[in-house]
C-alpha atoms as a PDB file:
ATOM      1  CA  UNK A   1     -35.951  -1.597 -27.185  1.00  0.00           C
ATOM      2  CA  UNK A   2     -34.037  -3.067 -24.302  1.00  0.00           C
ATOM      3  CA  UNK A   3     -33.105  -6.807 -24.667  1.00  0.00           C
ATOM      4  CA  UNK A   4     -33.907  -8.704 -21.287  1.00  0.00           C
ATOM      5  CA  UNK A   5     -32.160 -12.116 -21.631  1.00  0.00           C
ATOM      6  CA  UNK A   6     -34.426 -14.839 -19.942  1.00  0.00           C
ATOM      7  CA  UNK A   7     -31.979 -17.670 -21.161  1.00  0.00           C
ATOM      8  CA  UNK A   8     -28.321 -16.825 -21.346  1.00  0.00           C
ATOM      9  CA  UNK A   9     -27.538 -20.393 -22.567  1.00  0.00           C
ATOM     10  CA  UNK A  10     -29.527 -19.975 -25.918  1.00  0.00           C
ATOM     11  CA  UNK A  11     -29.801 -16.092 -25.983  1.00  0.00           C
ATOM     12  CA  UNK A  12     -33.540 -16.033 -25.510  1.00  0.00           C
ATOM     13  CA  UNK A  13     -35.328 -12.814 -24.567  1.00  0.00           C
ATOM     14  CA  UNK A  14     -38.451 -12.061 -22.686  1.00  0.00           C
ATOM     15  CA  UNK A  15     -39.784 -10.509 -25.904  1.00  0.00           C
ATOM     16  CA  UNK A  16     -39.426 -13.830 -27.744  1.00  0.00           C
ATOM     17  CA  UNK A  17     -41.142 -15.671 -24.882  1.00  0.00           C
ATOM     18  CA  UNK A  18     -44.000 -13.354 -24.883  1.00  0.00           C
ATOM     19  CA  UNK A  19     -44.281 -13.541 -28.645  1.00  0.00           C
ATOM     20  CA  UNK A  20     -44.366 -17.334 -28.669  1.00  0.00           C
ATOM     21  CA  UNK A  21     -46.915 -17.163 -25.792  1.00  0.00           C
ATOM     22  CA  UNK A  22     -49.159 -14.868 -27.786  1.00  0.00           C
ATOM     23  CA  UNK A  23     -48.839 -17.476 -30.566  1.00  0.00           C
ATOM     24  CA  UNK A  24     -49.984 -20.233 -28.356  1.00  0.00           C
ATOM     25  CA  UNK A  25     -47.180 -21.594 -26.310  1.00  0.00           C
ATOM     26  CA  UNK A  26     -48.637 -22.027 -22.929  1.00  0.00           C
ATOM     27  CA  UNK A  27     -46.120 -23.920 -20.915  1.00  0.00           C
ATOM     28  CA  UNK A  28     -42.276 -23.728 -20.456  1.00  0.00           C
ATOM     29  CA  UNK A  29     -41.943 -26.894 -22.276  1.00  0.00           C
ATOM     30  CA  UNK A  30     -43.711 -25.411 -25.373  1.00  0.00           C
ATOM     31  CA  UNK A  31     -41.383 -22.643 -25.189  1.00  0.00           C
ATOM     32  CA  UNK A  32     -38.597 -24.919 -25.105  1.00  0.00           C
ATOM     33  CA  UNK A  33     -39.644 -26.650 -28.093  1.00  0.00           C
ATOM     34  CA  UNK A  34     -39.426 -23.519 -30.307  1.00  0.00           C
ATOM     35  CA  UNK A  35     -36.439 -21.699 -28.634  1.00  0.00           C
ATOM     36  CA  UNK A  36     -34.420 -24.378 -26.670  1.00  0.00           C
ATOM     37  CA  UNK A  37     -34.826 -22.083 -23.641  1.00  0.00           C
ATOM     38  CA  UNK A  38     -34.728 -24.094 -20.362  1.00  0.00           C
ATOM     39  CA  UNK A  39     -33.346 -27.197 -21.773  1.00  0.00           C
ATOM     40  CA  UNK A  40     -29.680 -26.708 -21.077  1.00  0.00           C
ATOM     41  CA  UNK A  41     -29.098 -25.536 -17.245  1.00  0.00           C
ATOM     42  CA  UNK A  42     -32.583 -24.838 -16.537  1.00  0.00           C
ATOM     43  CA  UNK A  43     -32.066 -21.947 -14.539  1.00  0.00           C
ATOM     44  CA  UNK A  44     -34.631 -19.984 -16.528  1.00  0.00           C
ATOM     45  CA  UNK A  45     -37.387 -22.079 -16.231  1.00  0.00           C
ATOM     46  CA  UNK A  46     -39.100 -20.292 -13.431  1.00  0.00           C
ATOM     47  CA  UNK A  47     -38.525 -16.832 -15.014  1.00  0.00           C
ATOM     48  CA  UNK A  48     -40.389 -18.455 -18.351  1.00  0.00           C
ATOM     49  CA  UNK A  49     -43.248 -19.727 -15.967  1.00  0.00           C
ATOM     50  CA  UNK A  50     -43.529 -16.181 -14.504  1.00  0.00           C
ATOM     51  CA  UNK A  51     -43.809 -14.511 -17.933  1.00  0.00           C
ATOM     52  CA  UNK A  52     -46.122 -17.066 -19.130  1.00  0.00           C
ATOM     53  CA  UNK A  53     -48.313 -16.272 -15.808  1.00  0.00           C
ATOM     54  CA  UNK A  54     -51.424 -18.179 -14.886  1.00  0.00           C
ATOM     55  CA  UNK A  55     -53.866 -16.408 -17.093  1.00  0.00           C
ATOM     56  CA  UNK A  56     -56.049 -18.047 -20.110  1.00  0.00           C
ATOM     57  CA  UNK A  57     -54.183 -19.847 -22.531  1.00  0.00           C
ATOM     58  CA  UNK A  58     -55.234 -18.910 -26.009  1.00  0.00           C
ATOM     59  CA  UNK A  59     -54.302 -22.345 -27.308  1.00  0.00           C
ATOM     60  CA  UNK A  60     -56.433 -24.286 -24.585  1.00  0.00           C
ATOM     61  CA  UNK A  61     -59.329 -21.931 -25.358  1.00  0.00           C
ATOM     62  CA  UNK A  62     -59.219 -22.549 -29.083  1.00  0.00           C
ATOM     63  CA  UNK A  63     -59.188 -26.374 -28.233  1.00  0.00           C
ATOM     64  CA  UNK A  64     -62.112 -26.191 -25.917  1.00  0.00           C
ATOM     65  CA  UNK A  65     -64.136 -24.263 -28.594  1.00  0.00           C
ATOM     66  CA  UNK A  66     -63.307 -26.996 -31.226  1.00  0.00           C
ATOM     67  CA  UNK A  67     -61.155 -24.573 -33.384  1.00  0.00           C
ATOM     68  CA  UNK A  68     -57.535 -25.347 -33.765  1.00  0.00           C
ATOM     69  CA  UNK A  69     -54.385 -23.151 -32.892  1.00  0.00           C
ATOM     70  CA  UNK A  70     -51.646 -22.401 -35.425  1.00  0.00           C
ATOM     71  CA  UNK A  71     -48.697 -24.880 -35.234  1.00  0.00           C
ATOM     72  CA  UNK A  72     -45.534 -23.440 -33.415  1.00  0.00           C
ATOM     73  CA  UNK A  73     -42.625 -23.647 -35.702  1.00  0.00           C
ATOM     74  CA  UNK A  74     -38.888 -23.186 -34.449  1.00  0.00           C
ATOM     75  CA  UNK A  75     -37.264 -19.892 -34.597  1.00  0.00           C
ATOM     76  CA  UNK A  76     -35.613 -19.712 -38.086  1.00  0.00           C
ATOM     77  CA  UNK A  77     -32.060 -19.906 -36.597  1.00  0.00           C
ATOM     78  CA  UNK A  78     -32.678 -22.981 -34.761  1.00  0.00           C
ATOM     79  CA  UNK A  79     -34.397 -24.595 -38.030  1.00  0.00           C
ATOM     80  CA  UNK A  80     -30.960 -23.688 -39.799  1.00  0.00           C
ATOM     81  CA  UNK A  81     -28.987 -25.520 -37.138  1.00  0.00           C
ATOM     82  CA  UNK A  82     -30.915 -28.666 -37.274  1.00  0.00           C
END
């Protein structure tokens, strides 16, 4: 599996962004809260926006139907650094 780094500052890959999006992260800010991507130089924010796309947001759909989405947790390596 080829790693395509989206955020060079924090070593975040496109696959990580897609996994967090599948877990309910709908915005670059939500991706940043779990990976730190986009919080240093900011050059990756547009790429993250592109990966997230403009499609339906699973979390938003859950909220609209009255169901709750799972809480996003920071990546384990970030939790250890805190």
